[in-house]
Amino acid sequence: MAIELPILNTRYSSVNPLFNLHGLLSPGITGGYGGTVGCWAQVTENTLTVSIRVDPRNAEFTDGFILTGLPEELRPSVNTPDTAQQQLFLMKNGKIWLRSSADWKLQDRTEVNAIFIAPRRAS
C-alpha cells in the first residue's frame, strides 16, 4: 500500500502509521484544537479508522463536505456513520459529509469531533 500522505510522528509509525489528513480538509475548515494530531487515518489488517477534530466556522461551502479526496486505501467499503451518530458520514467516495437534514450547520460549530471505524476494503 502506497499512500501519498504525510505520516504523523508516533512511537510505532512504521507498524501502523497515522496518516495526516489536514491537507484534505475543505476550504475554510481548520485543524481545530487538536493541531496536527486532530485529523488522521489509520489502516490495519481489517479495519479503517478516521478521526477528525476540526473548526468549521469559516467553511466556504454549503454542500456539507468536511474533507474530500481520501486515497482509495483510506475509503470504507460502505458509507459509515460516525460513532456518536451526529449525522456525519465517511463516504465510499472518499469524503466526510454532514447530512443535509441534520438539525445543525457546520458553520454554527466552533469544533466538530468525529471518529469513524469501518471494515477495510478488500484488495
PDB file of N, CA and C in Angstrom:
ATOM      1  N   MET A   1       0.851  -1.165   0.000  1.00  0.00           N
ATOM      2  CA  MET A   1       0.000   0.000   0.000  1.00  0.00           C
ATOM      3  C   MET A   1       0.899   1.231   0.000  1.00  0.00           C
ATOM      4  N   ALA A   2       0.685   2.108  -0.961  1.00  0.00           N
ATOM      5  CA  ALA A   2       1.476   3.329  -1.064  1.00  0.00           C
ATOM      6  C   ALA A   2       0.548   4.531  -0.966  1.00  0.00           C
ATOM      7  N   ILE A   3       0.377   5.020   0.234  1.00  0.00           N
ATOM      8  CA  ILE A   3      -0.488   6.171   0.462  1.00  0.00           C
ATOM      9  C   ILE A   3       0.383   7.417   0.454  1.00  0.00           C
ATOM     10  N   GLU A   4       0.021   8.374  -0.375  1.00  0.00           N
ATOM     11  CA  GLU A   4       0.807   9.591  -0.544  1.00  0.00           C
ATOM     12  C   GLU A   4       0.314  10.700   0.392  1.00  0.00           C
ATOM     13  N   LEU A   5       0.427  10.488   1.690  1.00  0.00           N
ATOM     14  CA  LEU A   5       0.057  11.477   2.699  1.00  0.00           C
ATOM     15  C   LEU A   5       1.163  11.535   3.747  1.00  0.00           C
ATOM     16  N   PRO A   6       1.327  12.684   4.411  1.00  0.00           N
ATOM     17  CA  PRO A   6       2.314  12.743   5.491  1.00  0.00           C
ATOM     18  C   PRO A   6       1.935  11.797   6.629  1.00  0.00           C
ATOM     19  N   ILE A   7       2.928  11.288   7.304  1.00  0.00           N
ATOM     20  CA  ILE A   7       2.716  10.388   8.447  1.00  0.00           C
ATOM     21  C   ILE A   7       3.021  11.157   9.725  1.00  0.00           C
ATOM     22  N   LEU A   8       2.119  11.029  10.705  1.00  0.00           N
ATOM     23  CA  LEU A   8       2.337  11.685  11.993  1.00  0.00           C
ATOM     24  C   LEU A   8       3.461  10.986  12.739  1.00  0.00           C
ATOM     25  N   ASN A   9       4.238  11.748  13.464  1.00  0.00           N
ATOM     26  CA  ASN A   9       5.345  11.205  14.237  1.00  0.00           C
ATOM     27  C   ASN A   9       4.791  10.561  15.510  1.00  0.00           C
ATOM     28  N   THR A  10       4.700   9.239  15.503  1.00  0.00           N
ATOM     29  CA  THR A  10       4.217   8.491  16.661  1.00  0.00           C
ATOM     30  C   THR A  10       5.232   7.415  17.015  1.00  0.00           C
ATOM     31  N   ARG A  11       5.039   6.801  18.142  1.00  0.00           N
ATOM     32  CA  ARG A  11       6.008   5.827  18.646  1.00  0.00           C
ATOM     33  C   ARG A  11       6.219   4.654  17.684  1.00  0.00           C
ATOM     34  N   TYR A  12       5.157   4.101  17.115  1.00  0.00           N
ATOM     35  CA  TYR A  12       5.275   2.928  16.241  1.00  0.00           C
ATOM     36  C   TYR A  12       4.791   3.245  14.828  1.00  0.00           C
ATOM     37  N   SER A  13       5.212   4.365  14.291  1.00  0.00           N
ATOM     38  CA  SER A  13       4.716   4.797  12.985  1.00  0.00           C
ATOM     39  C   SER A  13       5.092   3.852  11.839  1.00  0.00           C
ATOM     40  N   SER A  14       6.097   3.027  12.017  1.00  0.00           N
ATOM     41  CA  SER A  14       6.470   2.101  10.945  1.00  0.00           C
ATOM     42  C   SER A  14       5.568   0.864  10.910  1.00  0.00           C
ATOM     43  N   VAL A  15       4.828   0.595  11.984  1.00  0.00           N
ATOM     44  CA  VAL A  15       3.970  -0.592  12.040  1.00  0.00           C
ATOM     45  C   VAL A  15       2.593  -0.278  11.462  1.00  0.00           C
ATOM     46  N   ASN A  16       1.853   0.605  12.100  1.00  0.00           N
ATOM     47  CA  ASN A  16       0.536   1.038  11.630  1.00  0.00           C
ATOM     48  C   ASN A  16       0.509   2.560  11.665  1.00  0.00           C
ATOM     49  N   PRO A  17       1.020   3.208  10.620  1.00  0.00           N
ATOM     50  CA  PRO A  17       1.157   4.662  10.650  1.00  0.00           C
ATOM     51  C   PRO A  17      -0.176   5.398  10.730  1.00  0.00           C
ATOM     52  N   LEU A  18      -0.121   6.589  11.303  1.00  0.00           N
ATOM     53  CA  LEU A  18      -1.261   7.502  11.318  1.00  0.00           C
ATOM     54  C   LEU A  18      -1.007   8.523  10.210  1.00  0.00           C
ATOM     55  N   PHE A  19      -1.908   8.591   9.250  1.00  0.00           N
ATOM     56  CA  PHE A  19      -1.758   9.499   8.121  1.00  0.00           C
ATOM     57  C   PHE A  19      -2.412  10.834   8.442  1.00  0.00           C
ATOM     58  N   ASN A  20      -1.680  11.911   8.227  1.00  0.00           N
ATOM     59  CA  ASN A  20      -2.158  13.264   8.474  1.00  0.00           C
ATOM     60  C   ASN A  20      -3.113  13.670   7.351  1.00  0.00           C
ATOM     61  N   LEU A  21      -4.366  14.021   7.700  1.00  0.00           N
ATOM     62  CA  LEU A  21      -5.386  14.357   6.708  1.00  0.00           C
ATOM     63  C   LEU A  21      -5.638  15.855   6.571  1.00  0.00           C
ATOM     64  N   HIS A  22      -4.838  16.693   7.214  1.00  0.00           N
ATOM     65  CA  HIS A  22      -5.101  18.136   7.176  1.00  0.00           C
ATOM     66  C   HIS A  22      -5.121  18.703   5.761  1.00  0.00           C
ATOM     67  N   GLY A  23      -4.320  18.175   4.876  1.00  0.00           N
ATOM     68  CA  GLY A  23      -4.279  18.665   3.506  1.00  0.00           C
ATOM     69  C   GLY A  23      -5.535  18.361   2.711  1.00  0.00           C
ATOM     70  N   LEU A  24      -6.421  17.532   3.241  1.00  0.00           N
ATOM     71  CA  LEU A  24      -7.652  17.151   2.539  1.00  0.00           C
ATOM     72  C   LEU A  24      -8.884  17.887   3.060  1.00  0.00           C
ATOM     73  N   LEU A  25      -8.706  18.759   4.057  1.00  0.00           N
ATOM     74  CA  LEU A  25      -9.849  19.494   4.604  1.00  0.00           C
ATOM     75  C   LEU A  25     -10.413  20.455   3.561  1.00  0.00           C
ATOM     76  N   SER A  26     -11.723  20.626   3.566  1.00  0.00           N
ATOM     77  CA  SER A  26     -12.382  21.550   2.638  1.00  0.00           C
ATOM     78  C   SER A  26     -11.969  22.985   2.947  1.00  0.00           C
ATOM     79  N   PRO A  27     -12.057  23.882   1.964  1.00  0.00           N
ATOM     80  CA  PRO A  27     -11.645  25.278   2.161  1.00  0.00           C
ATOM     81  C   PRO A  27     -12.340  25.935   3.362  1.00  0.00           C
ATOM     82  N   GLY A  28     -11.533  26.622   4.181  1.00  0.00           N
ATOM     83  CA  GLY A  28     -12.052  27.334   5.341  1.00  0.00           C
ATOM     84  C   GLY A  28     -12.105  26.516   6.613  1.00  0.00           C
ATOM     85  N   ILE A  29     -11.993  25.202   6.512  1.00  0.00           N
ATOM     86  CA  ILE A  29     -12.014  24.338   7.698  1.00  0.00           C
ATOM     87  C   ILE A  29     -10.578  24.175   8.176  1.00  0.00           C
ATOM     88  N   THR A  30     -10.359  24.392   9.463  1.00  0.00           N
ATOM     89  CA  THR A  30      -9.011  24.281  10.022  1.00  0.00           C
ATOM     90  C   THR A  30      -8.935  23.111  10.984  1.00  0.00           C
ATOM     91  N   GLY A  31      -7.716  22.802  11.402  1.00  0.00           N
ATOM     92  CA  GLY A  31      -7.457  21.634  12.223  1.00  0.00           C
ATOM     93  C   GLY A  31      -8.002  21.679  13.627  1.00  0.00           C
ATOM     94  N   GLY A  32      -8.574  22.772  14.052  1.00  0.00           N
ATOM     95  CA  GLY A  32      -9.177  22.809  15.376  1.00  0.00           C
ATOM     96  C   GLY A  32      -8.166  22.710  16.491  1.00  0.00           C
ATOM     97  N   TYR A  33      -8.635  22.324  17.644  1.00  0.00           N
ATOM     98  CA  TYR A  33      -7.816  22.323  18.846  1.00  0.00           C
ATOM     99  C   TYR A  33      -6.829  21.176  18.900  1.00  0.00           C
ATOM    100  N   GLY A  34      -7.006  20.173  18.067  1.00  0.00           N
ATOM    101  CA  GLY A  34      -6.099  19.042  18.072  1.00  0.00           C
ATOM    102  C   GLY A  34      -4.813  19.291  17.330  1.00  0.00           C
ATOM    103  N   GLY A  35      -4.701  20.416  16.626  1.00  0.00           N
ATOM    104  CA  GLY A  35      -3.500  20.688  15.853  1.00  0.00           C
ATOM    105  C   GLY A  35      -3.253  19.595  14.833  1.00  0.00           C
ATOM    106  N   THR A  36      -1.994  19.245  14.618  1.00  0.00           N
ATOM    107  CA  THR A  36      -1.684  18.251  13.590  1.00  0.00           C
ATOM    108  C   THR A  36      -2.128  16.849  13.963  1.00  0.00           C
ATOM    109  N   VAL A  37      -2.404  16.587  15.226  1.00  0.00           N
ATOM    110  CA  VAL A  37      -2.862  15.246  15.588  1.00  0.00           C
ATOM    111  C   VAL A  37      -4.387  15.160  15.629  1.00  0.00           C
ATOM    112  N   GLY A  38      -5.071  16.203  15.203  1.00  0.00           N
ATOM    113  CA  GLY A  38      -6.530  16.220  15.278  1.00  0.00           C
ATOM    114  C   GLY A  38      -7.246  15.696  14.057  1.00  0.00           C
ATOM    115  N   CYS A  39      -6.532  15.282  13.036  1.00  0.00           N
ATOM    116  CA  CYS A  39      -7.175  14.840  11.804  1.00  0.00           C
ATOM    117  C   CYS A  39      -6.293  13.770  11.164  1.00  0.00           C
ATOM    118  N   TRP A  40      -6.666  12.511  11.358  1.00  0.00           N
ATOM    119  CA  TRP A  40      -5.786  11.431  10.919  1.00  0.00           C
ATOM    120  C   TRP A  40      -6.591  10.195  10.510  1.00  0.00           C
ATOM    121  N   ALA A  41      -5.902   9.280   9.848  1.00  0.00           N
ATOM    122  CA  ALA A  41      -6.489   7.990   9.468  1.00  0.00           C
ATOM    123  C   ALA A  41      -5.448   6.906   9.688  1.00  0.00           C
ATOM    124  N   GLN A  42      -5.941   5.704   9.990  1.00  0.00           N
ATOM    125  CA  GLN A  42      -5.058   4.552  10.169  1.00  0.00           C
ATOM    126  C   GLN A  42      -5.717   3.327   9.552  1.00  0.00           C
ATOM    127  N   VAL A  43      -4.918   2.542   8.866  1.00  0.00           N
ATOM    128  CA  VAL A  43      -5.388   1.303   8.271  1.00  0.00           C
ATOM    129  C   VAL A  43      -4.683   0.157   8.978  1.00  0.00           C
ATOM    130  N   THR A  44      -5.463  -0.815   9.438  1.00  0.00           N
ATOM    131  CA  THR A  44      -4.876  -2.040   9.977  1.00  0.00           C
ATOM    132  C   THR A  44      -5.289  -3.188   9.048  1.00  0.00           C
ATOM    133  N   GLU A  45      -5.010  -4.392   9.424  1.00  0.00           N
ATOM    134  CA  GLU A  45      -5.275  -5.525   8.550  1.00  0.00           C
ATOM    135  C   GLU A  45      -6.745  -5.606   8.130  1.00  0.00           C
ATOM    136  N   ASN A  46      -7.679  -5.311   9.030  1.00  0.00           N
ATOM    137  CA  ASN A  46      -9.102  -5.480   8.722  1.00  0.00           C
ATOM    138  C   ASN A  46      -9.954  -4.228   8.875  1.00  0.00           C
ATOM    139  N   THR A  47      -9.413  -3.179   9.472  1.00  0.00           N
ATOM    140  CA  THR A  47     -10.244  -2.008   9.734  1.00  0.00           C
ATOM    141  C   THR A  47      -9.573  -0.716   9.275  1.00  0.00           C
ATOM    142  N   LEU A  48     -10.430   0.284   9.111  1.00  0.00           N
ATOM    143  CA  LEU A  48     -10.023   1.639   8.802  1.00  0.00           C
ATOM    144  C   LEU A  48     -10.580   2.519   9.903  1.00  0.00           C
ATOM    145  N   THR A  49      -9.738   3.369  10.481  1.00  0.00           N
ATOM    146  CA  THR A  49     -10.175   4.323  11.498  1.00  0.00           C
ATOM    147  C   THR A  49      -9.819   5.721  11.011  1.00  0.00           C
ATOM    148  N   VAL A  50     -10.794   6.624  11.071  1.00  0.00           N
ATOM    149  CA  VAL A  50     -10.568   8.023  10.711  1.00  0.00           C
ATOM    150  C   VAL A  50     -11.064   8.867  11.875  1.00  0.00           C
ATOM    151  N   SER A  51     -10.241   9.813  12.307  1.00  0.00           N
ATOM    152  CA  SER A  51     -10.599  10.704  13.403  1.00  0.00           C
ATOM    153  C   SER A  51     -10.421  12.141  12.946  1.00  0.00           C
ATOM    154  N   ILE A  52     -11.429  12.972  13.197  1.00  0.00           N
ATOM    155  CA  ILE A  52     -11.305  14.389  12.873  1.00  0.00           C
ATOM    156  C   ILE A  52     -11.677  15.222  14.089  1.00  0.00           C
ATOM    157  N   ARG A  53     -10.961  16.294  14.261  1.00  0.00           N
ATOM    158  CA  ARG A  53     -11.271  17.322  15.257  1.00  0.00           C
ATOM    159  C   ARG A  53     -10.965  18.639  14.565  1.00  0.00           C
ATOM    160  N   VAL A  54     -12.018  19.274  14.058  1.00  0.00           N
ATOM    161  CA  VAL A  54     -11.838  20.431  13.193  1.00  0.00           C
ATOM    162  C   VAL A  54     -12.680  21.616  13.653  1.00  0.00           C
ATOM    163  N   ASP A  55     -12.289  22.794  13.166  1.00  0.00           N
ATOM    164  CA  ASP A  55     -13.032  24.027  13.401  1.00  0.00           C
ATOM    165  C   ASP A  55     -13.663  24.430  12.066  1.00  0.00           C
ATOM    166  N   PRO A  56     -14.988  24.281  11.916  1.00  0.00           N
ATOM    167  CA  PRO A  56     -15.642  24.553  10.638  1.00  0.00           C
ATOM    168  C   PRO A  56     -16.278  25.934  10.521  1.00  0.00           C
ATOM    169  N   ARG A  57     -16.043  26.829  11.478  1.00  0.00           N
ATOM    170  CA  ARG A  57     -16.739  28.125  11.489  1.00  0.00           C
ATOM    171  C   ARG A  57     -16.574  28.905  10.197  1.00  0.00           C
ATOM    172  N   ASN A  58     -15.425  28.790   9.556  1.00  0.00           N
ATOM    173  CA  ASN A  58     -15.154  29.568   8.346  1.00  0.00           C
ATOM    174  C   ASN A  58     -15.255  28.743   7.072  1.00  0.00           C
ATOM    175  N   ALA A  59     -16.011  27.644   7.133  1.00  0.00           N
ATOM    176  CA  ALA A  59     -16.179  26.799   5.950  1.00  0.00           C
ATOM    177  C   ALA A  59     -16.736  27.625   4.798  1.00  0.00           C
ATOM    178  N   GLU A  60     -16.167  27.435   3.617  1.00  0.00           N
ATOM    179  CA  GLU A  60     -16.527  28.232   2.446  1.00  0.00           C
ATOM    180  C   GLU A  60     -17.490  27.497   1.524  1.00  0.00           C
ATOM    181  N   PHE A  61     -18.375  26.689   2.053  1.00  0.00           N
ATOM    182  CA  PHE A  61     -19.247  25.864   1.226  1.00  0.00           C
ATOM    183  C   PHE A  61     -20.585  25.658   1.918  1.00  0.00           C
ATOM    184  N   THR A  62     -21.499  25.094   1.170  1.00  0.00           N
ATOM    185  CA  THR A  62     -22.791  24.732   1.751  1.00  0.00           C
ATOM    186  C   THR A  62     -23.142  23.278   1.455  1.00  0.00           C
ATOM    187  N   ASP A  63     -22.232  22.535   0.827  1.00  0.00           N
ATOM    188  CA  ASP A  63     -22.535  21.150   0.449  1.00  0.00           C
ATOM    189  C   ASP A  63     -22.306  20.152   1.579  1.00  0.00           C
ATOM    190  N   GLY A  64     -21.771  20.581   2.715  1.00  0.00           N
ATOM    191  CA  GLY A  64     -21.618  19.706   3.868  1.00  0.00           C
ATOM    192  C   GLY A  64     -20.372  18.850   3.890  1.00  0.00           C
ATOM    193  N   PHE A  65     -19.483  18.976   2.913  1.00  0.00           N
ATOM    194  CA  PHE A  65     -18.276  18.155   2.906  1.00  0.00           C
ATOM    195  C   PHE A  65     -17.191  18.780   3.775  1.00  0.00           C
ATOM    196  N   ILE A  66     -16.743  18.040   4.780  1.00  0.00           N
ATOM    197  CA  ILE A  66     -15.700  18.498   5.692  1.00  0.00           C
ATOM    198  C   ILE A  66     -14.325  18.180   5.113  1.00  0.00           C
ATOM    199  N   LEU A  67     -14.218  17.042   4.478  1.00  0.00           N
ATOM    200  CA  LEU A  67     -12.947  16.539   3.969  1.00  0.00           C
ATOM    201  C   LEU A  67     -13.230  15.851   2.647  1.00  0.00           C
ATOM    202  N   THR A  68     -12.351  16.019   1.676  1.00  0.00           N
ATOM    203  CA  THR A  68     -12.527  15.353   0.380  1.00  0.00           C
ATOM    204  C   THR A  68     -11.204  14.784  -0.094  1.00  0.00           C
ATOM    205  N   GLY A  69     -11.267  13.777  -0.946  1.00  0.00           N
ATOM    206  CA  GLY A  69     -10.078  13.258  -1.600  1.00  0.00           C
ATOM    207  C   GLY A  69      -9.295  12.206  -0.857  1.00  0.00           C
ATOM    208  N   LEU A  70      -9.952  11.440   0.020  1.00  0.00           N
ATOM    209  CA  LEU A  70      -9.217  10.347   0.671  1.00  0.00           C
ATOM    210  C   LEU A  70      -8.714   9.370  -0.391  1.00  0.00           C
ATOM    211  N   PRO A  71      -7.471   8.926  -0.274  1.00  0.00           N
ATOM    212  CA  PRO A  71      -6.974   7.916  -1.206  1.00  0.00           C
ATOM    213  C   PRO A  71      -7.815   6.634  -1.120  1.00  0.00           C
ATOM    214  N   GLU A  72      -7.809   5.882  -2.165  1.00  0.00           N
ATOM    215  CA  GLU A  72      -8.592   4.637  -2.249  1.00  0.00           C
ATOM    216  C   GLU A  72      -8.364   3.730  -1.035  1.00  0.00           C
ATOM    217  N   GLU A  73      -7.119   3.633  -0.577  1.00  0.00           N
ATOM    218  CA  GLU A  73      -6.793   2.749   0.551  1.00  0.00           C
ATOM    219  C   GLU A  73      -7.425   3.199   1.863  1.00  0.00           C
ATOM    220  N   LEU A  74      -7.868   4.478   1.935  1.00  0.00           N
ATOM    221  CA  LEU A  74      -8.456   5.010   3.161  1.00  0.00           C
ATOM    222  C   LEU A  74      -9.971   5.209   3.042  1.00  0.00           C
ATOM    223  N   ARG A  75     -10.566   4.562   2.061  1.00  0.00           N
ATOM    224  CA  ARG A  75     -12.013   4.675   1.877  1.00  0.00           C
ATOM    225  C   ARG A  75     -12.698   3.429   2.425  1.00  0.00           C
ATOM    226  N   PRO A  76     -13.859   3.621   3.073  1.00  0.00           N
ATOM    227  CA  PRO A  76     -14.568   2.460   3.625  1.00  0.00           C
ATOM    228  C   PRO A  76     -15.278   1.667   2.528  1.00  0.00           C
ATOM    229  N   SER A  77     -15.634   0.432   2.835  1.00  0.00           N
ATOM    230  CA  SER A  77     -16.363  -0.401   1.876  1.00  0.00           C
ATOM    231  C   SER A  77     -17.846  -0.035   1.837  1.00  0.00           C
ATOM    232  N   VAL A  78     -18.330   0.641   2.872  1.00  0.00           N
ATOM    233  CA  VAL A  78     -19.723   1.116   2.929  1.00  0.00           C
ATOM    234  C   VAL A  78     -19.723   2.516   3.539  1.00  0.00           C
ATOM    235  N   ASN A  79     -20.732   3.330   3.214  1.00  0.00           N
ATOM    236  CA  ASN A  79     -20.871   4.632   3.853  1.00  0.00           C
ATOM    237  C   ASN A  79     -21.053   4.393   5.348  1.00  0.00           C
ATOM    238  N   THR A  80     -20.247   5.061   6.172  1.00  0.00           N
ATOM    239  CA  THR A  80     -20.154   4.743   7.592  1.00  0.00           C
ATOM    240  C   THR A  80     -20.454   5.966   8.451  1.00  0.00           C
ATOM    241  N   PRO A  81     -21.443   5.867   9.362  1.00  0.00           N
ATOM    242  CA  PRO A  81     -21.708   6.997  10.266  1.00  0.00           C
ATOM    243  C   PRO A  81     -20.627   7.104  11.332  1.00  0.00           C
ATOM    244  N   ASP A  82     -20.488   8.324  11.891  1.00  0.00           N
ATOM    245  CA  ASP A  82     -19.526   8.465  12.986  1.00  0.00           C
ATOM    246  C   ASP A  82     -20.042   7.729  14.210  1.00  0.00           C
ATOM    247  N   THR A  83     -19.157   7.408  15.120  1.00  0.00           N
ATOM    248  CA  THR A  83     -19.535   6.582  16.267  1.00  0.00           C
ATOM    249  C   THR A  83     -20.514   7.266  17.214  1.00  0.00           C
ATOM    250  N   ALA A  84     -20.621   8.601  17.175  1.00  0.00           N
ATOM    251  CA  ALA A  84     -21.541   9.330  18.051  1.00  0.00           C
ATOM    252  C   ALA A  84     -22.884   9.610  17.378  1.00  0.00           C
ATOM    253  N   GLN A  85     -23.066   9.147  16.152  1.00  0.00           N
ATOM    254  CA  GLN A  85     -24.331   9.320  15.426  1.00  0.00           C
ATOM    255  C   GLN A  85     -24.754  10.780  15.311  1.00  0.00           C
ATOM    256  N   GLN A  86     -23.830  11.642  14.865  1.00  0.00           N
ATOM    257  CA  GLN A  86     -24.104  13.074  14.709  1.00  0.00           C
ATOM    258  C   GLN A  86     -24.578  13.432  13.311  1.00  0.00           C
ATOM    259  N   GLN A  87     -24.914  12.447  12.497  1.00  0.00           N
ATOM    260  CA  GLN A  87     -25.291  12.622  11.098  1.00  0.00           C
ATOM    261  C   GLN A  87     -24.097  13.029  10.232  1.00  0.00           C
ATOM    262  N   LEU A  88     -22.914  12.610  10.659  1.00  0.00           N
ATOM    263  CA  LEU A  88     -21.696  12.742   9.869  1.00  0.00           C
ATOM    264  C   LEU A  88     -21.373  11.371   9.295  1.00  0.00           C
ATOM    265  N   PHE A  89     -20.912  11.341   8.038  1.00  0.00           N
ATOM    266  CA  PHE A  89     -20.644  10.067   7.379  1.00  0.00           C
ATOM    267  C   PHE A  89     -19.294  10.090   6.680  1.00  0.00           C
ATOM    268  N   LEU A  90     -18.561   8.982   6.793  1.00  0.00           N
ATOM    269  CA  LEU A  90     -17.380   8.728   5.986  1.00  0.00           C
ATOM    270  C   LEU A  90     -17.899   7.971   4.772  1.00  0.00           C
ATOM    271  N   MET A  91     -17.787   8.590   3.608  1.00  0.00           N
ATOM    272  CA  MET A  91     -18.410   8.063   2.404  1.00  0.00           C
ATOM    273  C   MET A  91     -17.450   7.188   1.591  1.00  0.00           C
ATOM    274  N   LYS A  92     -18.027   6.263   0.832  1.00  0.00           N
ATOM    275  CA  LYS A  92     -17.249   5.388  -0.033  1.00  0.00           C
ATOM    276  C   LYS A  92     -16.458   6.168  -1.077  1.00  0.00           C
ATOM    277  N   ASN A  93     -16.917   7.385  -1.402  1.00  0.00           N
ATOM    278  CA  ASN A  93     -16.234   8.185  -2.418  1.00  0.00           C
ATOM    279  C   ASN A  93     -15.077   9.009  -1.846  1.00  0.00           C
ATOM    280  N   GLY A  94     -14.726   8.792  -0.585  1.00  0.00           N
ATOM    281  CA  GLY A  94     -13.558   9.447  -0.001  1.00  0.00           C
ATOM    282  C   GLY A  94     -13.823  10.812   0.595  1.00  0.00           C
ATOM    283  N   LYS A  95     -15.070  11.070   1.014  1.00  0.00           N
ATOM    284  CA  LYS A  95     -15.420  12.358   1.606  1.00  0.00           C
ATOM    285  C   LYS A  95     -16.034  12.137   2.984  1.00  0.00           C
ATOM    286  N   ILE A  96     -15.896  13.141   3.843  1.00  0.00           N
ATOM    287  CA  ILE A  96     -16.638  13.156   5.108  1.00  0.00           C
ATOM    288  C   ILE A  96     -17.708  14.217   4.940  1.00  0.00           C
ATOM    289  N   TRP A  97     -18.946  13.821   5.210  1.00  0.00           N
ATOM    290  CA  TRP A  97     -20.111  14.625   4.845  1.00  0.00           C
ATOM    291  C   TRP A  97     -21.075  14.768   6.009  1.00  0.00           C
ATOM    292  N   LEU A  98     -21.627  15.985   6.182  1.00  0.00           N
ATOM    293  CA  LEU A  98     -22.711  16.224   7.122  1.00  0.00           C
ATOM    294  C   LEU A  98     -24.015  16.111   6.364  1.00  0.00           C
ATOM    295  N   ARG A  99     -24.886  15.199   6.784  1.00  0.00           N
ATOM    296  CA  ARG A  99     -26.180  15.014   6.121  1.00  0.00           C
ATOM    297  C   ARG A  99     -26.948  16.331   6.119  1.00  0.00           C
ATOM    298  N   SER A 100     -27.526  16.665   4.997  1.00  0.00           N
ATOM    299  CA  SER A 100     -28.215  17.952   4.854  1.00  0.00           C
ATOM    300  C   SER A 100     -29.451  18.071   5.730  1.00  0.00           C
ATOM    301  N   SER A 101     -29.987  16.963   6.202  1.00  0.00           N
ATOM    302  CA  SER A 101     -31.167  17.013   7.072  1.00  0.00           C
ATOM    303  C   SER A 101     -30.794  17.179   8.544  1.00  0.00           C
ATOM    304  N   ALA A 102     -29.498  17.281   8.835  1.00  0.00           N
ATOM    305  CA  ALA A 102     -29.070  17.461  10.228  1.00  0.00           C
ATOM    306  C   ALA A 102     -29.647  18.769  10.772  1.00  0.00           C
ATOM    307  N   ASP A 103     -29.905  18.794  12.067  1.00  0.00           N
ATOM    308  CA  ASP A 103     -30.502  19.987  12.671  1.00  0.00           C
ATOM    309  C   ASP A 103     -29.454  21.037  13.052  1.00  0.00           C
ATOM    310  N   TRP A 104     -28.247  20.920  12.524  1.00  0.00           N
ATOM    311  CA  TRP A 104     -27.202  21.915  12.754  1.00  0.00           C
ATOM    312  C   TRP A 104     -26.389  22.094  11.480  1.00  0.00           C
ATOM    313  N   LYS A 105     -25.726  23.229  11.365  1.00  0.00           N
ATOM    314  CA  LYS A 105     -24.867  23.534  10.222  1.00  0.00           C
ATOM    315  C   LYS A 105     -23.431  23.591  10.702  1.00  0.00           C
ATOM    316  N   LEU A 106     -22.513  23.228   9.838  1.00  0.00           N
ATOM    317  CA  LEU A 106     -21.102  23.225  10.217  1.00  0.00           C
ATOM    318  C   LEU A 106     -20.640  24.589  10.705  1.00  0.00           C
ATOM    319  N   GLN A 107     -21.064  25.647  10.024  1.00  0.00           N
ATOM    320  CA  GLN A 107     -20.606  26.990  10.367  1.00  0.00           C
ATOM    321  C   GLN A 107     -21.124  27.446  11.734  1.00  0.00           C
ATOM    322  N   ASP A 108     -22.089  26.746  12.304  1.00  0.00           N
ATOM    323  CA  ASP A 108     -22.601  27.089  13.637  1.00  0.00           C
ATOM    324  C   ASP A 108     -21.723  26.536  14.755  1.00  0.00           C
ATOM    325  N   ARG A 109     -20.810  25.659  14.434  1.00  0.00           N
ATOM    326  CA  ARG A 109     -19.980  24.991  15.439  1.00  0.00           C
ATOM    327  C   ARG A 109     -18.591  25.603  15.507  1.00  0.00           C
ATOM    328  N   THR A 110     -18.012  25.597  16.697  1.00  0.00           N
ATOM    329  CA  THR A 110     -16.612  26.002  16.836  1.00  0.00           C
ATOM    330  C   THR A 110     -15.698  24.785  16.772  1.00  0.00           C
ATOM    331  N   GLU A 111     -16.284  23.610  16.921  1.00  0.00           N
ATOM    332  CA  GLU A 111     -15.495  22.388  16.847  1.00  0.00           C
ATOM    333  C   GLU A 111     -16.404  21.226  16.463  1.00  0.00           C
ATOM    334  N   VAL A 112     -15.892  20.344  15.621  1.00  0.00           N
ATOM    335  CA  VAL A 112     -16.584  19.110  15.267  1.00  0.00           C
ATOM    336  C   VAL A 112     -15.605  17.972  15.508  1.00  0.00           C
ATOM    337  N   ASN A 113     -16.023  17.008  16.316  1.00  0.00           N
ATOM    338  CA  ASN A 113     -15.229  15.810  16.587  1.00  0.00           C
ATOM    339  C   ASN A 113     -15.985  14.607  16.050  1.00  0.00           C
ATOM    340  N   ALA A 114     -15.285  13.726  15.378  1.00  0.00           N
ATOM    341  CA  ALA A 114     -15.931  12.505  14.900  1.00  0.00           C
ATOM    342  C   ALA A 114     -14.883  11.414  14.730  1.00  0.00           C
ATOM    343  N   ILE A 115     -15.313  10.194  15.010  1.00  0.00           N
ATOM    344  CA  ILE A 115     -14.475   9.015  14.780  1.00  0.00           C
ATOM    345  C   ILE A 115     -15.288   8.043  13.943  1.00  0.00           C
ATOM    346  N   PHE A 116     -14.652   7.515  12.923  1.00  0.00           N
ATOM    347  CA  PHE A 116     -15.282   6.537  12.042  1.00  0.00           C
ATOM    348  C   PHE A 116     -14.459   5.256  12.089  1.00  0.00           C
ATOM    349  N   ILE A 117     -15.120   4.123  12.269  1.00  0.00           N
ATOM    350  CA  ILE A 117     -14.452   2.827  12.248  1.00  0.00           C
ATOM    351  C   ILE A 117     -15.215   1.979  11.239  1.00  0.00           C
ATOM    352  N   ALA A 118     -14.508   1.475  10.229  1.00  0.00           N
ATOM    353  CA  ALA A 118     -15.162   0.773   9.147  1.00  0.00           C
ATOM    354  C   ALA A 118     -14.335  -0.443   8.733  1.00  0.00           C
ATOM    355  N   PRO A 119     -14.999  -1.450   8.120  1.00  0.00           N
ATOM    356  CA  PRO A 119     -14.232  -2.565   7.565  1.00  0.00           C
ATOM    357  C   PRO A 119     -13.359  -2.059   6.430  1.00  0.00           C
ATOM    358  N   ARG A 120     -12.204  -2.622   6.320  1.00  0.00           N
ATOM    359  CA  ARG A 120     -11.281  -2.245   5.250  1.00  0.00           C
ATOM    360  C   ARG A 120     -11.741  -2.878   3.950  1.00  0.00           C
ATOM    361  N   ARG A 121     -11.553  -2.163   2.858  1.00  0.00           N
ATOM    362  CA  ARG A 121     -11.884  -2.708   1.542  1.00  0.00           C
ATOM    363  C   ARG A 121     -10.986  -3.890   1.217  1.00  0.00           C
ATOM    364  N   ALA A 122     -11.538  -4.859   0.514  1.00  0.00           N
ATOM    365  CA  ALA A 122     -10.722  -5.977   0.070  1.00  0.00           C
ATOM    366  C   ALA A 122      -9.773  -5.496  -1.020  1.00  0.00           C
ATOM    367  N   SER A 123      -8.570  -6.075  -1.079  1.00  0.00           N
ATOM    368  CA  SER A 123      -7.598  -5.635  -2.104  1.00  0.00           C
ATOM    369  C   SER A 123      -7.988  -6.168  -3.444  1.00  0.00           C
TER     370      SER A 123
END
